[in-house]
Amino acid sequence: MHGTWNRTDIGELGRRLQRAHGEVWLHQVKGDPYADLLRGHAEDPRPGEERIRALGPLWRSTTGAWVTADHRLAGELLGAGWPHRPLDDDEAHVPVDDAGLGGDAAHYERLRGYARDAVTPAAVQAVSDRVVGALAADFDLVTDLAEAVPTGLLAAALGPAGADRGELARACTDAGVVLDGLLCPQRLDVTRRAVAAVGRLRELLAGPEAGPAASPEAGRGAGPGPGPHEAAVLLATAGVRTAASLIAGSVLAVADHPGEWSRIAEDPGHAALVVAEVLRHDPPVRIHPAVALADVEFAGAHVRAGERVVVLVAAANRDPDVFDDPDRFVTGRPARALLPALHHRVTLPFARAQAEAVLRALVAAGPRPRRSAGHLRSRRSPVTGHLLRCPLTTG
C-alpha cells in the first residue's frame, strides 16, 4: 500500500472524507455516544465515556464497532491473547501503512529495540535540559516545550546529518494528525498536508543504511524489514504527537498540583510516578481500535471476524471498580494504568522518557510554572485530545 494515498485523486479523497464525516455525524445525531466521541468536539469527553460505561462491559455502537470502557475487558483486549490487527488504509482516514501504523506486535517489538538503542536516556535528558533552559518567563507549553523536545530529540538521535530541523519539525506537526485520523475524518486540507508530510518524513529520515528497504513492505510483520528507518518514521509520525501530549499533561499536572512539584524537588525519581498517573488520569492516547481476525466472544458478546473492537483507554483507566476516586490525580496508586498496544509499544516509551526528563529539568530550573491564560484544544482530536496552545508563566 506504500504511496497509495499520495496517488489518490484529490476529488475522490474529499468525497471519501466528507462521506465518512457525514456518517459519523448521522450516528451522533441519532444519539450514539461513541459517534459523539469520534467527532471530537467535546472539551471534556468524560461524560460521553461514562454513558458508554453504563451500557455494559462491551456495547455495540450503531457505527458497527464494539466499544468497551471496562478495565478488566480492556486489559484483555489490549493484550496479545486474541486474534486481531490494526486498522488498514481502507478502514482509516489516513495513510496507515505509510505512517508506520500497520504492523503486528512482533514488528513493533523489533522496532522498539531499534528506538531504544537510538534514543538513549542521556540524549533525552540533554535535549530536555536544552529546551527548558531556553524558555522565557512567559512561554507556550505546546510550541515552546511539549513539541520542541520530541522534534529536537528526533533530529538529534535519528535525523540524518545536515537535515533541516525546521522542516523536520513542520513535517512532524503536519503528520501528527494521523493518530486522530485513524478514527476521525479530518478536513481535506489537513489530510492532504498529513499525507505529504508522511511522505516527506520518509525521505528526510532515510539514512544511507536504509537503501531499497525504505519501502514499508515490513508492515503486518512481513519479515525483518528496514528496522531503523521504520522506527524513525513511526516516532516522527505518531511518537512526536504522543510525546507532546504526555509532556503537556505532565507539566500541567505539576503546575496544578504544587505538592507534586515539591516531591520531585526532593526526589527527582518522583517524576516517574507523576508521569505514570498522567498516563492514567490524562492519557496521550484515549482510544485504541483493532479489528478481529476471527470470531471471538467477550463479555457474552459474539464478535465476528472483520468487526472493529475499540477500547476507550482513558475511560477504562477511570473505572471506579478499580480506581478509588478516579477523577482525582493521585500518584503511587496500587493499580497501574492500562496502555494501548501495537505501535504504542514503540511510541509510549519514547514519550514517557521525555515527559520524565522534562519534569526533572523544569524542577531543577525552577520556579514552578503556572497557567497564565486559557488553553485551546484541537477539534476532531478524539484520540489524542491535542492541545494547540496553552500559555504558562514563571514570572
Protein backbone atom coordinates (compact mmCIF):
# COMPACT_ATOMS: atom_id res chain seq x y z
CA MET A 1 0.00 0.00 0.00
CA HIS A 2 3.08 2.27 0.12
CA GLY A 3 2.39 5.57 -1.61
CA THR A 4 -1.25 4.80 -2.39
CA TRP A 5 -2.54 7.85 -0.55
CA ASN A 6 -0.11 10.13 -2.38
CA ARG A 7 -1.63 8.99 -5.67
CA THR A 8 -5.24 9.35 -4.54
CA ASP A 9 -7.27 11.80 -6.61
CA ILE A 10 -8.00 14.96 -4.58
CA GLY A 11 -11.66 14.92 -5.52
CA GLU A 12 -12.04 11.29 -4.53
CA LEU A 13 -10.20 11.92 -1.25
CA GLY A 14 -12.50 14.84 -0.47
CA ARG A 15 -15.58 12.75 -1.19
CA ARG A 16 -14.24 9.92 0.96
CA LEU A 17 -13.61 12.19 3.93
CA GLN A 18 -16.93 14.01 3.53
CA ARG A 19 -18.83 10.73 3.36
CA ALA A 20 -17.09 9.39 6.48
CA HIS A 21 -17.68 12.62 8.38
CA GLY A 22 -21.35 12.59 7.38
CA GLU A 23 -21.79 9.02 8.59
CA VAL A 24 -20.30 9.83 12.00
CA TRP A 25 -22.46 12.96 12.26
CA LEU A 26 -25.60 10.98 11.40
CA HIS A 27 -24.92 8.38 14.10
CA GLN A 28 -24.22 11.17 16.61
CA VAL A 29 -27.47 12.97 15.77
CA LYS A 30 -29.32 9.71 16.41
CA GLY A 31 -27.85 9.60 19.93
CA ASP A 32 -24.89 7.24 19.61
CA PRO A 33 -22.39 8.24 22.35
CA TYR A 34 -19.43 6.61 20.59
CA ALA A 35 -20.11 8.61 17.42
CA ASP A 36 -20.29 11.70 19.63
CA LEU A 37 -16.81 10.90 20.97
CA LEU A 38 -15.46 10.34 17.45
CA ARG A 39 -16.46 13.81 16.33
CA GLY A 40 -14.00 15.16 18.87
CA HIS A 41 -15.95 18.34 19.61
CA ALA A 42 -16.31 17.99 23.38
CA GLU A 43 -13.80 19.83 25.55
CA ASP A 44 -14.37 17.14 28.20
CA PRO A 45 -15.12 13.70 26.73
CA ARG A 46 -15.65 12.06 30.11
CA PRO A 47 -19.46 12.41 30.21
CA GLY A 48 -19.69 10.59 26.88
CA GLU A 49 -17.31 7.90 28.08
CA GLU A 50 -19.43 7.37 31.18
CA ARG A 51 -22.56 6.99 29.03
CA ILE A 52 -20.81 4.15 27.24
CA ARG A 53 -19.66 2.55 30.51
CA ALA A 54 -23.28 2.47 31.66
CA LEU A 55 -24.22 0.43 28.57
CA GLY A 56 -22.28 -2.61 29.77
CA PRO A 57 -18.79 -4.12 29.53
CA LEU A 58 -18.98 -4.48 25.74
CA TRP A 59 -21.52 -2.44 23.79
CA ARG A 60 -22.13 -2.34 20.06
CA SER A 61 -22.34 1.14 18.61
CA THR A 62 -24.63 1.87 15.68
CA THR A 63 -21.40 2.58 13.78
CA GLY A 64 -20.81 -1.18 13.90
CA ALA A 65 -17.91 -1.02 16.35
CA TRP A 66 -17.81 -2.91 19.64
CA VAL A 67 -16.78 -0.50 22.40
CA THR A 68 -15.63 -1.02 26.00
CA ALA A 69 -14.82 1.23 28.95
CA ASP A 70 -14.46 -1.74 31.32
CA HIS A 71 -10.98 -2.00 32.86
CA ARG A 72 -10.84 -5.81 33.05
CA LEU A 73 -12.06 -6.35 29.50
CA ALA A 74 -9.90 -3.51 28.20
CA GLY A 75 -6.83 -5.19 29.68
CA GLU A 76 -7.72 -8.39 27.83
CA LEU A 77 -8.33 -6.58 24.53
CA LEU A 78 -5.07 -4.63 24.77
CA GLY A 79 -3.12 -7.86 25.19
CA ALA A 80 -1.83 -10.21 22.52
CA GLY A 81 -4.01 -13.17 23.53
CA TRP A 82 -6.70 -12.77 20.90
CA PRO A 83 -6.51 -12.61 17.07
CA HIS A 84 -6.61 -9.00 15.91
CA ARG A 85 -4.90 -6.46 13.69
CA PRO A 86 -4.72 -2.67 13.38
CA LEU A 87 -6.96 -0.71 11.01
CA ASP A 88 -5.78 -0.72 7.42
CA ASP A 89 -5.65 2.00 4.76
CA ASP A 90 -9.18 1.30 3.59
CA GLU A 91 -10.67 1.45 7.10
CA ALA A 92 -8.89 4.54 8.42
CA HIS A 93 -8.89 8.14 7.21
CA VAL A 94 -5.10 8.48 6.97
CA PRO A 95 -2.25 6.52 5.30
CA VAL A 96 -1.85 3.78 7.90
CA ASP A 97 0.98 1.81 6.30
CA ASP A 98 2.98 4.82 5.11
CA ALA A 99 2.81 6.29 8.63
CA GLY A 100 4.12 3.05 10.14
CA LEU A 101 0.88 2.13 11.93
CA GLY A 102 0.02 -1.09 10.09
CA GLY A 103 2.39 -3.64 11.64
CA ASP A 104 1.74 -6.51 14.03
CA ALA A 105 3.00 -6.97 17.60
CA ALA A 106 6.19 -8.77 16.52
CA HIS A 107 7.04 -5.96 14.11
CA TYR A 108 6.76 -3.35 16.87
CA GLU A 109 8.81 -5.42 19.27
CA ARG A 110 11.63 -5.23 16.72
CA LEU A 111 11.17 -1.50 16.25
CA ARG A 112 11.12 -0.91 19.99
CA GLY A 113 14.64 -2.30 20.21
CA TYR A 114 15.88 -0.01 17.43
CA ALA A 115 14.25 3.02 19.06
CA ARG A 116 15.66 2.15 22.49
CA ASP A 117 19.18 1.88 21.09
CA ALA A 118 18.94 5.13 19.14
CA VAL A 119 17.21 7.32 21.72
CA THR A 120 19.34 7.00 24.83
CA PRO A 121 18.44 8.37 28.31
CA ALA A 122 21.41 10.73 28.09
CA ALA A 123 20.16 12.15 24.78
CA VAL A 124 16.64 12.57 26.16
CA GLN A 125 17.87 14.48 29.23
CA ALA A 126 20.27 16.61 27.20
CA VAL A 127 17.57 17.78 24.78
CA SER A 128 15.10 18.34 27.62
CA ASP A 129 17.64 20.41 29.59
CA ARG A 130 18.46 22.48 26.50
CA VAL A 131 14.83 23.24 25.62
CA VAL A 132 13.87 24.02 29.23
CA GLY A 133 16.95 26.21 29.63
CA ALA A 134 15.90 28.32 26.63
CA LEU A 135 12.36 29.02 27.91
CA ALA A 136 11.38 32.61 28.58
CA ALA A 137 9.45 33.57 31.70
CA ASP A 138 6.28 33.52 29.60
CA PHE A 139 6.05 30.63 27.18
CA ASP A 140 3.60 28.43 25.35
CA LEU A 141 3.53 24.92 26.74
CA VAL A 142 2.81 23.35 23.36
CA THR A 143 5.06 25.07 20.83
CA ASP A 144 7.93 26.14 23.10
CA LEU A 145 8.24 22.95 25.15
CA ALA A 146 5.99 19.94 24.52
CA GLU A 147 6.58 19.84 20.75
CA ALA A 148 10.10 21.27 20.83
CA VAL A 149 11.53 18.42 22.92
CA PRO A 150 10.45 15.41 20.78
CA THR A 151 11.24 17.11 17.47
CA GLY A 152 14.63 18.18 18.81
CA LEU A 153 15.30 14.69 20.10
CA LEU A 154 14.23 13.09 16.83
CA ALA A 155 16.54 15.37 14.86
CA ALA A 156 19.45 14.75 17.24
CA ALA A 157 19.06 10.98 17.57
CA LEU A 158 17.59 9.82 14.26
CA GLY A 159 17.77 12.68 11.76
CA PRO A 160 20.44 12.45 9.07
CA ALA A 161 23.41 14.79 9.34
CA GLY A 162 22.68 18.19 7.83
CA ALA A 163 18.91 17.69 7.90
CA ASP A 164 16.80 20.84 8.05
CA ARG A 165 15.48 20.67 11.62
CA GLY A 166 12.82 23.26 10.91
CA GLU A 167 11.47 21.23 8.01
CA LEU A 168 11.57 18.07 10.10
CA ALA A 169 9.61 19.75 12.90
CA ARG A 170 6.99 21.11 10.49
CA ALA A 171 6.56 17.71 8.89
CA CYS A 172 6.12 16.07 12.30
CA THR A 173 3.46 18.63 13.21
CA ASP A 174 1.54 18.09 9.97
CA ALA A 175 1.84 14.29 10.20
CA GLY A 176 0.84 14.18 13.87
CA VAL A 177 -2.84 14.15 12.95
CA VAL A 178 -2.57 10.51 11.83
CA LEU A 179 -3.44 9.16 15.28
CA ASP A 180 -6.73 11.05 15.36
CA GLY A 181 -7.29 10.37 11.67
CA LEU A 182 -7.39 6.65 12.32
CA LEU A 183 -10.93 7.13 13.65
CA CYS A 184 -11.98 10.72 12.99
CA PRO A 185 -12.06 12.03 9.39
CA GLN A 186 -10.09 15.27 9.23
CA ARG A 187 -10.61 18.21 6.91
CA LEU A 188 -9.36 17.74 3.35
CA ASP A 189 -6.58 20.33 3.67
CA VAL A 190 -5.37 18.81 6.95
CA THR A 191 -5.38 15.31 5.46
CA ARG A 192 -3.52 16.41 2.34
CA ARG A 193 -0.83 18.08 4.45
CA ALA A 194 -0.55 14.95 6.60
CA VAL A 195 -0.15 12.69 3.55
CA ALA A 196 2.53 14.96 2.11
CA ALA A 197 4.28 15.21 5.49
CA VAL A 198 4.38 11.44 5.96
CA GLY A 199 5.99 11.07 2.55
CA ARG A 200 8.48 13.82 3.29
CA LEU A 201 9.39 12.27 6.64
CA ARG A 202 10.17 9.00 4.89
CA GLU A 203 12.62 10.92 2.72
CA LEU A 204 14.13 13.04 5.50
CA LEU A 205 14.68 10.07 7.81
CA ALA A 206 16.04 7.68 5.20
CA GLY A 207 19.67 7.32 6.20
CA PRO A 208 22.24 5.73 3.89
CA GLU A 209 21.68 2.38 5.56
CA ALA A 210 18.02 2.28 4.50
CA GLY A 211 18.69 1.68 0.82
CA PRO A 212 15.96 -0.06 -1.20
CA ALA A 213 14.39 -1.36 2.02
CA ALA A 214 12.93 2.09 2.67
CA SER A 215 9.57 0.97 1.30
CA PRO A 216 7.49 -0.28 4.24
CA GLU A 217 6.97 -3.78 2.95
CA ALA A 218 7.64 -4.77 6.55
CA GLY A 219 4.14 -3.75 7.58
CA ARG A 220 1.96 -6.51 9.04
CA GLY A 221 5.04 -8.48 10.10
CA ALA A 222 6.31 -9.25 6.60
CA GLY A 223 9.85 -10.01 7.72
CA PRO A 224 12.61 -8.03 9.42
CA GLY A 225 12.31 -5.02 7.10
CA PRO A 226 14.05 -1.67 7.41
CA GLY A 227 14.10 -1.52 11.19
CA PRO A 228 15.96 1.74 11.93
CA HIS A 229 14.18 3.64 9.16
CA GLU A 230 10.74 2.34 10.10
CA ALA A 231 11.38 3.13 13.77
CA ALA A 232 12.36 6.69 12.88
CA VAL A 233 9.29 7.17 10.68
CA LEU A 234 6.95 5.83 13.36
CA LEU A 235 8.44 8.08 16.03
CA ALA A 236 8.08 11.06 13.67
CA THR A 237 4.50 10.41 12.59
CA ALA A 238 2.99 9.14 15.86
CA GLY A 239 5.69 9.37 18.51
CA VAL A 240 6.15 13.14 18.42
CA ARG A 241 2.42 13.83 18.88
CA THR A 242 2.21 11.20 21.65
CA ALA A 243 5.25 12.63 23.42
CA ALA A 244 3.99 16.21 23.10
CA SER A 245 0.64 15.23 24.62
CA LEU A 246 2.26 13.37 27.51
CA ILE A 247 4.77 16.15 28.19
CA ALA A 248 1.99 18.74 28.21
CA GLY A 249 -0.16 16.65 30.54
CA SER A 250 2.74 16.06 32.89
CA VAL A 251 3.72 19.74 33.07
CA LEU A 252 0.12 20.74 33.74
CA ALA A 253 -0.03 18.09 36.47
CA VAL A 254 2.81 19.74 38.42
CA ALA A 255 1.54 23.21 37.58
CA ASP A 256 -1.88 22.37 39.01
CA HIS A 257 -0.60 20.26 41.94
CA PRO A 258 2.20 22.11 43.77
CA GLY A 259 2.76 19.16 46.09
CA GLU A 260 3.93 17.02 43.16
CA TRP A 261 6.43 19.72 42.17
CA SER A 262 7.81 19.73 45.71
CA ARG A 263 8.14 15.95 45.76
CA ILE A 264 10.16 15.99 42.53
CA ALA A 265 12.38 18.70 44.02
CA GLU A 266 13.05 16.42 46.98
CA ASP A 267 13.41 13.27 44.85
CA PRO A 268 13.82 13.59 41.05
CA GLY A 269 12.75 9.95 40.76
CA HIS A 270 9.23 11.02 41.74
CA ALA A 271 8.84 12.36 38.19
CA ALA A 272 8.22 8.77 37.07
CA LEU A 273 5.25 8.46 39.44
CA VAL A 274 3.78 11.74 38.19
CA VAL A 275 4.01 10.59 34.58
CA ALA A 276 2.54 7.19 35.48
CA GLU A 277 -0.51 8.92 36.97
CA VAL A 278 -0.81 11.22 33.93
CA LEU A 279 -0.96 8.08 31.78
CA ARG A 280 -3.98 7.06 33.82
CA HIS A 281 -5.62 10.40 34.54
CA ASP A 282 -4.96 12.27 31.26
CA PRO A 283 -3.50 9.76 28.78
CA PRO A 284 -1.98 10.89 25.46
CA VAL A 285 -3.93 8.14 23.66
CA ARG A 286 -7.56 7.96 24.74
CA ILE A 287 -8.96 5.45 22.23
CA HIS A 288 -7.40 2.31 20.72
CA PRO A 289 -9.08 0.45 17.82
CA ALA A 290 -8.44 -3.04 16.46
CA VAL A 291 -10.11 -5.43 14.03
CA ALA A 292 -10.93 -9.05 14.94
CA LEU A 293 -9.22 -11.64 12.73
CA ALA A 294 -11.51 -14.48 13.86
CA ASP A 295 -14.82 -14.95 15.61
CA VAL A 296 -14.36 -14.39 19.36
CA GLU A 297 -16.51 -13.96 22.45
CA PHE A 298 -16.04 -11.24 25.04
CA ALA A 299 -18.35 -10.47 27.96
CA GLY A 300 -21.05 -12.67 26.46
CA ALA A 301 -20.97 -10.87 23.11
CA HIS A 302 -20.10 -12.63 19.86
CA VAL A 303 -17.63 -10.56 17.85
CA ARG A 304 -17.27 -11.69 14.24
CA ALA A 305 -14.10 -11.65 12.17
CA GLY A 306 -13.67 -8.29 10.48
CA GLU A 307 -15.59 -6.35 13.12
CA ARG A 308 -13.98 -3.40 14.87
CA VAL A 309 -13.29 -3.53 18.61
CA VAL A 310 -12.49 -0.26 20.36
CA VAL A 311 -11.00 0.24 23.82
CA LEU A 312 -11.72 3.58 25.49
CA VAL A 313 -8.35 3.64 27.23
CA ALA A 314 -8.99 6.85 29.16
CA ALA A 315 -12.36 5.62 30.41
CA ALA A 316 -11.00 2.20 31.39
CA ASN A 317 -8.32 3.94 33.44
CA ARG A 318 -11.06 5.76 35.35
CA ASP A 319 -13.08 2.63 36.08
CA PRO A 320 -14.49 3.18 39.60
CA ASP A 321 -14.43 -0.57 40.25
CA VAL A 322 -10.62 -0.45 40.02
CA PHE A 323 -9.57 3.09 40.98
CA ASP A 324 -10.79 4.88 44.09
CA ASP A 325 -11.88 8.46 43.40
CA PRO A 326 -10.85 8.01 39.75
CA ASP A 327 -11.15 11.66 38.72
CA ARG A 328 -8.61 12.72 41.35
CA PHE A 329 -4.90 12.97 40.48
CA VAL A 330 -3.08 10.70 42.96
CA THR A 331 0.46 9.45 42.43
CA GLY A 332 1.52 6.00 43.63
CA ARG A 333 -1.83 4.26 43.10
CA PRO A 334 -1.70 0.48 43.62
CA ALA A 335 -3.38 -0.27 40.28
CA ARG A 336 -1.41 0.60 37.15
CA ALA A 337 -2.77 2.38 34.11
CA LEU A 338 -3.65 0.33 31.05
CA LEU A 339 -1.60 1.25 27.99
CA PRO A 340 -2.59 0.85 24.33
CA ALA A 341 -0.75 -1.73 22.27
CA LEU A 342 0.67 -2.33 18.76
CA HIS A 343 2.63 0.77 17.58
CA HIS A 344 2.31 2.32 21.04
CA ARG A 345 4.85 -0.31 22.20
CA VAL A 346 7.37 1.97 20.46
CA THR A 347 5.91 5.45 20.88
CA LEU A 348 4.92 5.33 24.55
CA PRO A 349 8.41 4.50 25.95
CA PHE A 350 9.74 7.32 23.72
CA ALA A 351 7.12 9.69 25.16
CA ARG A 352 7.43 8.55 28.74
CA ALA A 353 11.19 9.06 28.91
CA GLN A 354 10.81 12.62 27.64
CA ALA A 355 7.97 13.54 30.00
CA GLU A 356 10.02 12.39 33.00
CA ALA A 357 13.14 14.21 31.77
CA VAL A 358 11.21 17.44 31.16
CA LEU A 359 9.78 17.38 34.69
CA ARG A 360 13.23 16.88 36.19
CA ALA A 361 14.62 19.72 34.05
CA LEU A 362 11.78 22.10 34.90
CA VAL A 363 12.04 21.49 38.63
CA ALA A 364 15.82 21.89 38.57
CA ALA A 365 15.48 25.18 36.66
CA GLY A 366 12.54 26.50 38.73
CA PRO A 367 10.33 28.31 39.58
CA ARG A 368 7.14 26.32 39.11
CA PRO A 369 5.16 27.39 36.01
CA ARG A 370 1.50 28.30 36.29
CA ARG A 371 -1.26 28.89 33.77
CA SER A 372 -1.43 32.48 32.53
CA ALA A 373 -4.44 32.16 30.20
CA GLY A 374 -6.90 29.58 28.93
CA HIS A 375 -5.82 26.76 26.68
CA LEU A 376 -7.03 25.91 23.17
CA ARG A 377 -7.67 22.32 22.16
CA SER A 378 -7.93 20.95 18.63
CA ARG A 379 -11.27 19.87 17.20
CA ARG A 380 -11.55 16.40 15.61
CA SER A 381 -8.99 15.09 18.09
CA PRO A 382 -10.77 12.28 19.96
CA VAL A 383 -7.71 10.04 20.22
CA THR A 384 -5.05 12.49 21.45
CA GLY A 385 -7.07 15.46 22.75
CA HIS A 386 -4.39 17.57 21.07
CA LEU A 387 -3.55 20.92 22.68
CA LEU A 388 -2.93 23.74 20.23
CA ARG A 389 -1.97 26.42 22.72
CA CYS A 390 -1.52 26.73 26.50
CA PRO A 391 0.26 29.85 27.85
CA LEU A 392 2.31 29.41 31.05
CA THR A 393 4.41 31.78 33.10
CA THR A 394 7.11 31.51 35.74
CA GLY A 395 7.10 35.26 36.40
